[in-house]
Protein backbone atom coordinates (compact mmCIF):
# COMPACT_ATOMS: atom_id res chain seq x y z
CA UNK A 1 -21.84 -19.49 -29.42
CA UNK A 2 -21.81 -20.19 -25.69
CA UNK A 3 -18.24 -19.27 -24.79
CA UNK A 4 -18.67 -20.60 -21.27
CA UNK A 5 -18.38 -24.13 -22.69
CA UNK A 6 -15.15 -23.57 -24.62
CA UNK A 7 -12.51 -25.87 -23.08
CA UNK A 8 -8.91 -24.93 -22.32
CA UNK A 9 -6.20 -26.68 -24.34
CA UNK A 10 -5.17 -30.11 -23.11
CA UNK A 11 -1.47 -29.27 -22.81
CA UNK A 12 0.77 -26.23 -23.06
CA UNK A 13 4.16 -24.84 -22.32
CA UNK A 14 4.61 -21.46 -20.70
CA UNK A 15 7.80 -19.50 -20.61
CA UNK A 16 7.48 -17.05 -17.75
CA UNK A 17 9.57 -14.52 -15.94
CA UNK A 18 8.37 -13.58 -12.46
CA UNK A 19 9.46 -10.16 -11.23
CA UNK A 20 9.25 -9.11 -7.57
CA UNK A 21 8.52 -5.36 -7.59
CA UNK A 22 9.47 -2.75 -5.01
CA UNK A 23 11.70 -4.90 -2.82
CA UNK A 24 14.53 -2.38 -2.67
CA UNK A 25 16.92 -5.22 -3.45
CA UNK A 26 18.76 -5.44 -6.76
CA UNK A 27 19.05 -9.24 -6.56
CA UNK A 28 15.98 -11.45 -6.92
CA UNK A 29 17.93 -14.72 -6.60
CA UNK A 30 16.35 -15.73 -3.27
CA UNK A 31 12.84 -15.22 -4.66
CA UNK A 32 13.74 -17.12 -7.83
CA UNK A 33 15.16 -19.99 -5.75
CA UNK A 34 11.91 -20.23 -3.80
CA UNK A 35 9.93 -20.34 -7.05
CA UNK A 36 12.26 -23.04 -8.39
CA UNK A 37 11.67 -25.15 -5.25
CA UNK A 38 7.93 -24.92 -5.88
CA UNK A 39 8.32 -25.78 -9.57
CA UNK A 40 10.58 -28.75 -8.83
CA UNK A 41 7.97 -30.18 -6.45
CA UNK A 42 5.13 -29.62 -8.93
CA UNK A 43 5.87 -32.74 -10.96
CA UNK A 44 5.76 -30.68 -14.16
CA UNK A 45 8.59 -30.52 -16.68
CA UNK A 46 10.58 -27.35 -16.04
CA UNK A 47 13.60 -25.75 -17.65
CA UNK A 48 15.13 -22.77 -15.87
CA UNK A 49 17.15 -20.33 -17.96
CA UNK A 50 18.77 -16.97 -17.35
CA UNK A 51 15.60 -14.96 -17.95
CA UNK A 52 12.86 -17.22 -16.61
CA UNK A 53 11.54 -20.76 -16.67
CA UNK A 54 9.68 -22.91 -19.17
CA UNK A 55 6.96 -25.05 -17.59
CA UNK A 56 5.25 -27.89 -19.49
CA UNK A 57 2.10 -29.80 -18.61
CA UNK A 58 -1.65 -29.57 -18.69
CA UNK A 59 -3.04 -26.07 -19.15
CA UNK A 60 -4.65 -26.12 -15.72
CA UNK A 61 -1.53 -27.41 -13.96
CA UNK A 62 0.78 -24.92 -15.66
CA UNK A 63 -1.46 -21.94 -14.90
CA UNK A 64 -1.97 -23.13 -11.32
CA UNK A 65 1.77 -23.44 -10.61
CA UNK A 66 2.45 -19.98 -12.05
CA UNK A 67 -0.23 -18.60 -9.72
CA UNK A 68 1.34 -20.51 -6.84
CA UNK A 69 4.70 -18.97 -7.76
CA UNK A 70 3.16 -15.54 -7.26
CA UNK A 71 1.79 -16.65 -3.88
CA UNK A 72 5.10 -18.02 -2.56
CA UNK A 73 6.84 -14.76 -3.47
CA UNK A 74 4.05 -12.76 -1.78
CA UNK A 75 4.51 -14.99 1.28
CA UNK A 76 8.14 -13.86 1.36
CA UNK A 77 6.87 -10.34 1.99
CA UNK A 78 6.85 -9.01 -1.56
CA UNK A 79 3.74 -6.88 -1.98
CA UNK A 80 3.75 -6.72 -5.77
CA UNK A 81 4.67 -9.42 -8.28
CA UNK A 82 4.57 -9.12 -12.07
CA UNK A 83 5.05 -11.92 -14.58
CA UNK A 84 5.61 -11.80 -18.28
CA UNK A 85 4.60 -14.96 -20.06
CA UNK A 86 4.48 -16.60 -23.46
CA UNK A 87 2.23 -19.63 -23.75
CA UNK A 88 2.21 -22.12 -26.60
CA UNK A 89 -0.17 -24.90 -27.55
CA UNK A 90 -0.36 -27.39 -30.42
CA UNK A 91 -3.14 -29.65 -31.60
CA UNK A 92 -1.33 -31.47 -34.41
CA UNK A 93 1.24 -33.32 -32.28
CA UNK A 94 2.92 -33.54 -28.89
CA UNK A 95 6.09 -31.50 -28.80
CA UNK A 96 8.16 -30.70 -25.74
CA UNK A 97 10.35 -27.65 -25.29
CA UNK A 98 13.37 -29.96 -25.63
CA UNK A 99 11.94 -31.25 -28.92
CA UNK A 100 11.68 -27.69 -30.21
CA UNK A 101 15.30 -26.90 -29.32
CA UNK A 102 16.55 -30.19 -30.77
CA UNK A 103 14.76 -29.51 -34.05
CA UNK A 104 16.63 -26.23 -34.53
CA UNK A 105 19.92 -27.75 -33.38
CA UNK A 106 19.49 -30.53 -35.96
CA UNK A 107 18.95 -27.94 -38.68
CA UNK A 108 22.05 -26.03 -37.61
CA UNK A 109 24.12 -29.21 -37.57
CA UNK A 110 22.95 -30.29 -41.01
CA UNK A 111 23.77 -26.87 -42.51
CA UNK A 112 27.35 -26.98 -41.17
CA UNK A 113 28.24 -30.12 -43.11
């Protein structure tokens, strides 16, 4: 098989946590705010939470904006940036992160009755 012709998935969601390393500052809120500004301007669907952000869109757009997030933090003077990431894809149907949460909430609601 010629692996160079294998395409990337059409769409994905990535839950990522970007970590500025070696800043000497306990708080990373300013760096996170700068990343959120970038993500908000990206046009992608984003959901910030206490431990990171979920980004939804095309594979290429999602991976590009995560790379850009690293760059904007480097531009703030941070020499080292680490990210942990979980990426999900589906081929059977379109499903947003909100859809996934709603599905579980619906199950919880139906079990309480």
